[in-house]
All heavy atoms as atom14 arrays in JSON, in Angstrom:
{
  "sequence": "RNAMLWAICDVADDLRERMAATHAPEKQFADYD",
  "atom14_mask": [
    [1, 1, 1, 1, 1, 1, 1, 1, 1, 1, 1, 0, 0, 0],
    [1, 1, 1, 1, 1, 1, 1, 1, 0, 0, 0, 0, 0, 0],
    [1, 1, 1, 1, 1, 0, 0, 0, 0, 0, 0, 0, 0, 0],
    [1, 1, 1, 1, 1, 1, 1, 1, 0, 0, 0, 0, 0, 0],
    [1, 1, 1, 1, 1, 1, 1, 1, 0, 0, 0, 0, 0, 0],
    [1, 1, 1, 1, 1, 1, 1, 1, 1, 1, 1, 1, 1, 1],
    [1, 1, 1, 1, 1, 0, 0, 0, 0, 0, 0, 0, 0, 0],
    [1, 1, 1, 1, 1, 1, 1, 1, 0, 0, 0, 0, 0, 0],
    [1, 1, 1, 1, 1, 1, 0, 0, 0, 0, 0, 0, 0, 0],
    [1, 1, 1, 1, 1, 1, 1, 1, 0, 0, 0, 0, 0, 0],
    [1, 1, 1, 1, 1, 1, 1, 0, 0, 0, 0, 0, 0, 0],
    [1, 1, 1, 1, 1, 0, 0, 0, 0, 0, 0, 0, 0, 0],
    [1, 1, 1, 1, 1, 1, 1, 1, 0, 0, 0, 0, 0, 0],
    [1, 1, 1, 1, 1, 1, 1, 1, 0, 0, 0, 0, 0, 0],
    [1, 1, 1, 1, 1, 1, 1, 1, 0, 0, 0, 0, 0, 0],
    [1, 1, 1, 1, 1, 1, 1, 1, 1, 1, 1, 0, 0, 0],
    [1, 1, 1, 1, 1, 1, 1, 1, 1, 0, 0, 0, 0, 0],
    [1, 1, 1, 1, 1, 1, 1, 1, 1, 1, 1, 0, 0, 0],
    [1, 1, 1, 1, 1, 1, 1, 1, 0, 0, 0, 0, 0, 0],
    [1, 1, 1, 1, 1, 0, 0, 0, 0, 0, 0, 0, 0, 0],
    [1, 1, 1, 1, 1, 0, 0, 0, 0, 0, 0, 0, 0, 0],
    [1, 1, 1, 1, 1, 1, 1, 0, 0, 0, 0, 0, 0, 0],
    [1, 1, 1, 1, 1, 1, 1, 1, 1, 1, 0, 0, 0, 0],
    [1, 1, 1, 1, 1, 0, 0, 0, 0, 0, 0, 0, 0, 0],
    [1, 1, 1, 1, 1, 1, 1, 0, 0, 0, 0, 0, 0, 0],
    [1, 1, 1, 1, 1, 1, 1, 1, 1, 0, 0, 0, 0, 0],
    [1, 1, 1, 1, 1, 1, 1, 1, 1, 0, 0, 0, 0, 0],
    [1, 1, 1, 1, 1, 1, 1, 1, 1, 0, 0, 0, 0, 0],
    [1, 1, 1, 1, 1, 1, 1, 1, 1, 1, 1, 0, 0, 0],
    [1, 1, 1, 1, 1, 0, 0, 0, 0, 0, 0, 0, 0, 0],
    [1, 1, 1, 1, 1, 1, 1, 1, 0, 0, 0, 0, 0, 0],
    [1, 1, 1, 1, 1, 1, 1, 1, 1, 1, 1, 1, 0, 0],
    [1, 1, 1, 1, 1, 1, 1, 1, 0, 0, 0, 0, 0, 0]
  ],
  "atom14_positions": [
    [[-70.82, 173.23, -88.92], [-70.08, 174.1, -89.84], [-69.34, 175.22, -89.11], [-68.37, 175.77, -89.63], [-71.03, 174.71, -90.87], [-72.13, 175.54, -90.27], [-72.99, 176.24, -91.32], [-74.21, 176.76, -90.74], [-74.3, 177.86, -90.02], [-73.21, 178.58, -89.78], [-75.46, 178.27, -89.53], [0.0, 0.0, 0.0], [0.0, 0.0, 0.0], [0.0, 0.0, 0.0]],
    [[-69.82, 175.59, -87.9], [-69.28, 176.78, -87.23], [-68.86, 176.51, -85.79], [-68.75, 177.43, -85.0], [-70.31, 177.9, -87.27], [-71.65, 177.48, -86.68], [-71.8, 176.35, -86.23], [-72.61, 178.39, -86.69], [0.0, 0.0, 0.0], [0.0, 0.0, 0.0], [0.0, 0.0, 0.0], [0.0, 0.0, 0.0], [0.0, 0.0, 0.0], [0.0, 0.0, 0.0]],
    [[-68.61, 175.25, -85.44], [-68.19, 174.91, -84.08], [-67.2, 173.76, -84.13], [-67.08, 173.06, -85.13], [-69.39, 174.54, -83.22], [0.0, 0.0, 0.0], [0.0, 0.0, 0.0], [0.0, 0.0, 0.0], [0.0, 0.0, 0.0], [0.0, 0.0, 0.0], [0.0, 0.0, 0.0], [0.0, 0.0, 0.0], [0.0, 0.0, 0.0], [0.0, 0.0, 0.0]],
    [[-66.49, 173.59, -83.01], [-65.55, 172.48, -82.91], [-65.58, 171.92, -81.49], [-65.93, 172.62, -80.53], [-64.13, 172.94, -83.24], [-63.55, 173.93, -82.24], [-61.85, 174.43, -82.62], [-60.98, 172.88, -82.41], [0.0, 0.0, 0.0], [0.0, 0.0, 0.0], [0.0, 0.0, 0.0], [0.0, 0.0, 0.0], [0.0, 0.0, 0.0], [0.0, 0.0, 0.0]],
    [[-65.21, 170.65, -81.37], [-65.14, 170.01, -80.06], [-63.79, 170.37, -79.46], [-62.77, 169.72, -79.71], [-65.3, 168.5, -80.2], [-65.33, 167.72, -78.88], [-66.48, 168.16, -77.99], [-65.42, 166.21, -79.15], [0.0, 0.0, 0.0], [0.0, 0.0, 0.0], [0.0, 0.0, 0.0], [0.0, 0.0, 0.0], [0.0, 0.0, 0.0], [0.0, 0.0, 0.0]],
    [[-63.78, 171.43, -78.67], [-62.54, 171.91, -78.06], [-62.15, 171.07, -76.85], [-60.97, 170.75, -76.66], [-62.7, 173.37, -77.65], [-61.47, 173.97, -77.02], [-61.25, 174.22, -75.7], [-60.3, 174.38, -77.71], [-60.01, 174.77, -75.52], [-59.4, 174.88, -76.74], [-59.91, 174.39, -79.07], [-58.15, 175.37, -77.07], [-58.65, 174.87, -79.39], [-57.79, 175.34, -78.4]],
    [[-63.15, 170.7, -76.02], [-62.83, 169.99, -74.78], [-63.99, 169.09, -74.37], [-65.15, 169.32, -74.73], [-62.52, 170.98, -73.66], [0.0, 0.0, 0.0], [0.0, 0.0, 0.0], [0.0, 0.0, 0.0], [0.0, 0.0, 0.0], [0.0, 0.0, 0.0], [0.0, 0.0, 0.0], [0.0, 0.0, 0.0], [0.0, 0.0, 0.0], [0.0, 0.0, 0.0]],
    [[-63.66, 168.07, -73.61], [-64.67, 167.25, -72.94], [-64.29, 167.14, -71.47], [-63.11, 167.25, -71.1], [-64.82, 165.84, -73.56], [-63.53, 165.02, -73.41], [-65.23, 165.94, -75.02], [-63.69, 163.58, -73.87], [0.0, 0.0, 0.0], [0.0, 0.0, 0.0], [0.0, 0.0, 0.0], [0.0, 0.0, 0.0], [0.0, 0.0, 0.0], [0.0, 0.0, 0.0]],
    [[-65.32, 166.93, -70.63], [-65.08, 166.88, -69.2], [-65.96, 165.81, -68.57], [-67.18, 165.78, -68.81], [-65.38, 168.25, -68.57], [-65.13, 168.31, -66.78], [0.0, 0.0, 0.0], [0.0, 0.0, 0.0], [0.0, 0.0, 0.0], [0.0, 0.0, 0.0], [0.0, 0.0, 0.0], [0.0, 0.0, 0.0], [0.0, 0.0, 0.0], [0.0, 0.0, 0.0]],
    [[-65.35, 164.95, -67.77], [-66.1, 163.96, -67.01], [-65.21, 163.45, -65.88], [-63.99, 163.31, -66.07], [-66.54, 162.79, -67.9], [-67.7, 162.01, -67.3], [-67.49, 161.33, -66.26], [-68.82, 162.08, -67.83], [0.0, 0.0, 0.0], [0.0, 0.0, 0.0], [0.0, 0.0, 0.0], [0.0, 0.0, 0.0], [0.0, 0.0, 0.0], [0.0, 0.0, 0.0]],
    [[-65.83, 163.2, -64.72], [-65.06, 162.72, -63.58], [-64.61, 161.27, -63.75], [-63.67, 160.83, -63.1], [-65.86, 162.85, -62.26], [-66.15, 164.31, -61.95], [-67.16, 162.03, -62.32], [0.0, 0.0, 0.0], [0.0, 0.0, 0.0], [0.0, 0.0, 0.0], [0.0, 0.0, 0.0], [0.0, 0.0, 0.0], [0.0, 0.0, 0.0], [0.0, 0.0, 0.0]],
    [[-65.3, 160.52, -64.63], [-64.96, 159.11, -64.85], [-63.8, 159.02, -65.85], [-63.99, 159.23, -67.04], [-66.17, 158.35, -65.36], [0.0, 0.0, 0.0], [0.0, 0.0, 0.0], [0.0, 0.0, 0.0], [0.0, 0.0, 0.0], [0.0, 0.0, 0.0], [0.0, 0.0, 0.0], [0.0, 0.0, 0.0], [0.0, 0.0, 0.0], [0.0, 0.0, 0.0]],
    [[-62.62, 158.73, -65.34], [-61.43, 158.74, -66.2], [-61.54, 157.76, -67.37], [-61.18, 158.09, -68.51], [-60.18, 158.39, -65.38], [-59.84, 159.45, -64.34], [-60.29, 160.6, -64.52], [-59.15, 159.12, -63.35], [0.0, 0.0, 0.0], [0.0, 0.0, 0.0], [0.0, 0.0, 0.0], [0.0, 0.0, 0.0], [0.0, 0.0, 0.0], [0.0, 0.0, 0.0]],
    [[-62.04, 156.55, -67.09], [-62.11, 155.53, -68.14], [-63.05, 155.96, -69.26], [-62.74, 155.83, -70.45], [-62.52, 154.18, -67.57], [-63.82, 154.23, -66.77], [-64.28, 155.34, -66.4], [-64.39, 153.15, -66.49], [0.0, 0.0, 0.0], [0.0, 0.0, 0.0], [0.0, 0.0, 0.0], [0.0, 0.0, 0.0], [0.0, 0.0, 0.0], [0.0, 0.0, 0.0]],
    [[-64.2, 156.52, -68.9], [-65.18, 156.95, -69.89], [-64.66, 158.15, -70.69], [-64.74, 158.19, -71.93], [-66.49, 157.32, -69.18], [-67.64, 157.81, -70.05], [-68.02, 156.76, -71.09], [-68.84, 158.15, -69.18], [0.0, 0.0, 0.0], [0.0, 0.0, 0.0], [0.0, 0.0, 0.0], [0.0, 0.0, 0.0], [0.0, 0.0, 0.0], [0.0, 0.0, 0.0]],
    [[-64.1, 159.12, -69.98], [-63.6, 160.33, -70.65], [-62.48, 160.0, -71.63], [-62.45, 160.49, -72.76], [-63.11, 161.33, -69.6], [-62.67, 162.67, -70.18], [-61.99, 163.54, -69.15], [-60.72, 162.99, -68.69], [-60.53, 162.4, -67.52], [-61.51, 162.27, -66.64], [-59.33, 161.91, -67.2], [0.0, 0.0, 0.0], [0.0, 0.0, 0.0], [0.0, 0.0, 0.0]],
    [[-61.57, 159.14, -71.2], [-60.44, 158.82, -72.07], [-60.89, 158.05, -73.31], [-60.35, 158.25, -74.41], [-59.39, 158.04, -71.27], [-58.66, 158.94, -70.27], [-57.82, 158.15, -69.28], [-57.74, 156.9, -69.41], [-57.23, 158.77, -68.36], [0.0, 0.0, 0.0], [0.0, 0.0, 0.0], [0.0, 0.0, 0.0], [0.0, 0.0, 0.0], [0.0, 0.0, 0.0]],
    [[-61.89, 157.21, -73.13], [-62.4, 156.48, -74.3], [-63.09, 157.43, -75.27], [-62.92, 157.32, -76.49], [-63.35, 155.38, -73.85], [-63.85, 154.53, -75.0], [-64.44, 153.23, -74.51], [-65.04, 152.48, -75.59], [-65.63, 151.29, -75.44], [-65.66, 150.73, -74.24], [-66.17, 150.68, -76.47], [0.0, 0.0, 0.0], [0.0, 0.0, 0.0], [0.0, 0.0, 0.0]],
    [[-63.84, 158.37, -74.74], [-64.52, 159.35, -75.61], [-63.51, 160.27, -76.27], [-63.69, 160.67, -77.43], [-65.52, 160.16, -74.79], [-66.74, 159.38, -74.33], [-67.68, 158.63, -75.68], [-67.24, 156.89, -75.49], [0.0, 0.0, 0.0], [0.0, 0.0, 0.0], [0.0, 0.0, 0.0], [0.0, 0.0, 0.0], [0.0, 0.0, 0.0], [0.0, 0.0, 0.0]],
    [[-62.45, 160.62, -75.56], [-61.41, 161.46, -76.15], [-60.72, 160.73, -77.31], [-60.43, 161.32, -78.35], [-60.39, 161.86, -75.09], [0.0, 0.0, 0.0], [0.0, 0.0, 0.0], [0.0, 0.0, 0.0], [0.0, 0.0, 0.0], [0.0, 0.0, 0.0], [0.0, 0.0, 0.0], [0.0, 0.0, 0.0], [0.0, 0.0, 0.0], [0.0, 0.0, 0.0]],
    [[-60.48, 159.44, -77.12], [-59.86, 158.65, -78.19], [-60.76, 158.56, -79.41], [-60.29, 158.54, -80.56], [-59.52, 157.26, -77.67], [0.0, 0.0, 0.0], [0.0, 0.0, 0.0], [0.0, 0.0, 0.0], [0.0, 0.0, 0.0], [0.0, 0.0, 0.0], [0.0, 0.0, 0.0], [0.0, 0.0, 0.0], [0.0, 0.0, 0.0], [0.0, 0.0, 0.0]],
    [[-62.06, 158.52, -79.18], [-63.03, 158.38, -80.27], [-63.27, 159.7, -81.0], [-63.3, 159.75, -82.23], [-64.37, 157.83, -79.74], [-64.14, 156.56, -79.12], [-65.38, 157.68, -80.86], [0.0, 0.0, 0.0], [0.0, 0.0, 0.0], [0.0, 0.0, 0.0], [0.0, 0.0, 0.0], [0.0, 0.0, 0.0], [0.0, 0.0, 0.0], [0.0, 0.0, 0.0]],
    [[-63.43, 160.8, -80.24], [-63.9, 162.05, -80.83], [-62.82, 163.12, -80.96], [-63.08, 164.17, -81.56], [-65.09, 162.59, -80.03], [-66.25, 161.63, -80.01], [-67.07, 161.43, -81.1], [-66.72, 160.8, -79.04], [-67.98, 160.54, -80.81], [-67.8, 160.13, -79.56], [0.0, 0.0, 0.0], [0.0, 0.0, 0.0], [0.0, 0.0, 0.0], [0.0, 0.0, 0.0]],
    [[-61.68, 162.9, -80.39], [-60.48, 163.74, -80.58], [-60.69, 165.22, -80.26], [-60.43, 166.09, -81.1], [-59.97, 163.58, -82.01], [0.0, 0.0, 0.0], [0.0, 0.0, 0.0], [0.0, 0.0, 0.0], [0.0, 0.0, 0.0], [0.0, 0.0, 0.0], [0.0, 0.0, 0.0], [0.0, 0.0, 0.0], [0.0, 0.0, 0.0], [0.0, 0.0, 0.0]],
    [[-61.12, 165.55, -79.03], [-61.16, 166.95, -78.65], [-59.73, 167.48, -78.51], [-58.78, 166.7, -78.38], [-61.86, 166.93, -77.29], [-61.5, 165.59, -76.72], [-61.49, 164.66, -77.91], [0.0, 0.0, 0.0], [0.0, 0.0, 0.0], [0.0, 0.0, 0.0], [0.0, 0.0, 0.0], [0.0, 0.0, 0.0], [0.0, 0.0, 0.0], [0.0, 0.0, 0.0]],
    [[-59.6, 168.8, -78.51], [-58.28, 169.38, -78.3], [-57.78, 169.13, -76.87], [-56.59, 168.96, -76.64], [-58.33, 170.89, -78.55], [-58.64, 171.27, -79.99], [-57.56, 170.84, -80.95], [-56.37, 170.96, -80.59], [-57.9, 170.36, -82.06], [0.0, 0.0, 0.0], [0.0, 0.0, 0.0], [0.0, 0.0, 0.0], [0.0, 0.0, 0.0], [0.0, 0.0, 0.0]],
    [[-58.71, 169.12, -75.92], [-58.34, 168.95, -74.51], [-59.37, 168.07, -73.81], [-60.52, 167.97, -74.24], [-58.27, 170.31, -73.81], [-57.27, 171.29, -74.41], [-57.29, 172.63, -73.68], [-56.3, 173.6, -74.31], [-56.26, 174.9, -73.59], [0.0, 0.0, 0.0], [0.0, 0.0, 0.0], [0.0, 0.0, 0.0], [0.0, 0.0, 0.0], [0.0, 0.0, 0.0]],
    [[-58.96, 167.48, -72.69], [-59.9, 166.76, -71.83], [-59.61, 167.12, -70.38], [-58.48, 167.38, -70.0], [-59.82, 165.26, -72.04], [-58.45, 164.64, -71.82], [-58.51, 163.13, -71.73], [-59.19, 162.57, -70.87], [-57.79, 162.45, -72.63], [0.0, 0.0, 0.0], [0.0, 0.0, 0.0], [0.0, 0.0, 0.0], [0.0, 0.0, 0.0], [0.0, 0.0, 0.0]],
    [[-60.7, 167.13, -69.59], [-60.6, 167.55, -68.19], [-61.4, 166.6, -67.3], [-62.49, 166.16, -67.66], [-61.17, 168.97, -68.01], [-60.42, 170.04, -68.75], [-60.79, 170.39, -70.04], [-59.36, 170.7, -68.15], [-60.12, 171.38, -70.73], [-58.68, 171.7, -68.83], [-59.06, 172.04, -70.11], [0.0, 0.0, 0.0], [0.0, 0.0, 0.0], [0.0, 0.0, 0.0]],
    [[-60.82, 166.32, -66.12], [-61.55, 165.58, -65.1], [-62.27, 166.53, -64.16], [-63.19, 166.12, -63.44], [-60.6, 164.7, -64.3], [0.0, 0.0, 0.0], [0.0, 0.0, 0.0], [0.0, 0.0, 0.0], [0.0, 0.0, 0.0], [0.0, 0.0, 0.0], [0.0, 0.0, 0.0], [0.0, 0.0, 0.0], [0.0, 0.0, 0.0], [0.0, 0.0, 0.0]],
    [[-61.88, 167.8, -64.18], [-62.44, 168.8, -63.26], [-63.13, 169.9, -64.07], [-62.52, 170.52, -64.96], [-61.31, 169.4, -62.41], [-61.83, 170.45, -61.44], [-62.41, 170.06, -60.41], [-61.66, 171.66, -61.73], [0.0, 0.0, 0.0], [0.0, 0.0, 0.0], [0.0, 0.0, 0.0], [0.0, 0.0, 0.0], [0.0, 0.0, 0.0], [0.0, 0.0, 0.0]],
    [[-64.39, 170.16, -63.76], [-65.19, 171.14, -64.49], [-64.61, 172.55, -64.36], [-64.51, 173.29, -65.35], [-66.62, 171.09, -63.98], [-67.62, 171.94, -64.74], [-67.57, 172.07, -66.12], [-68.64, 172.6, -64.06], [-68.5, 172.84, -66.81], [-69.58, 173.37, -64.74], [-69.51, 173.49, -66.12], [-70.43, 174.25, -66.78], [0.0, 0.0, 0.0], [0.0, 0.0, 0.0]],
    [[-64.22, 172.92, -63.16], [-63.66, 174.26, -62.96], [-62.38, 174.46, -63.76], [-62.1, 175.56, -64.25], [-63.41, 174.53, -61.48], [-64.7, 174.7, -60.7], [-65.64, 175.3, -61.26], [-64.78, 174.23, -59.55], [0.0, 0.0, 0.0], [0.0, 0.0, 0.0], [0.0, 0.0, 0.0], [0.0, 0.0, 0.0], [0.0, 0.0, 0.0], [0.0, 0.0, 0.0]]
  ]
}
């Protein structure tokens, strides 16, 4: 009720992109920093 998925981060491009397509964060990152 009080949070949103703003970003996801993972070094594995294939996994991150699939999760981004599924869960629709505002942003995705391969680099934590």
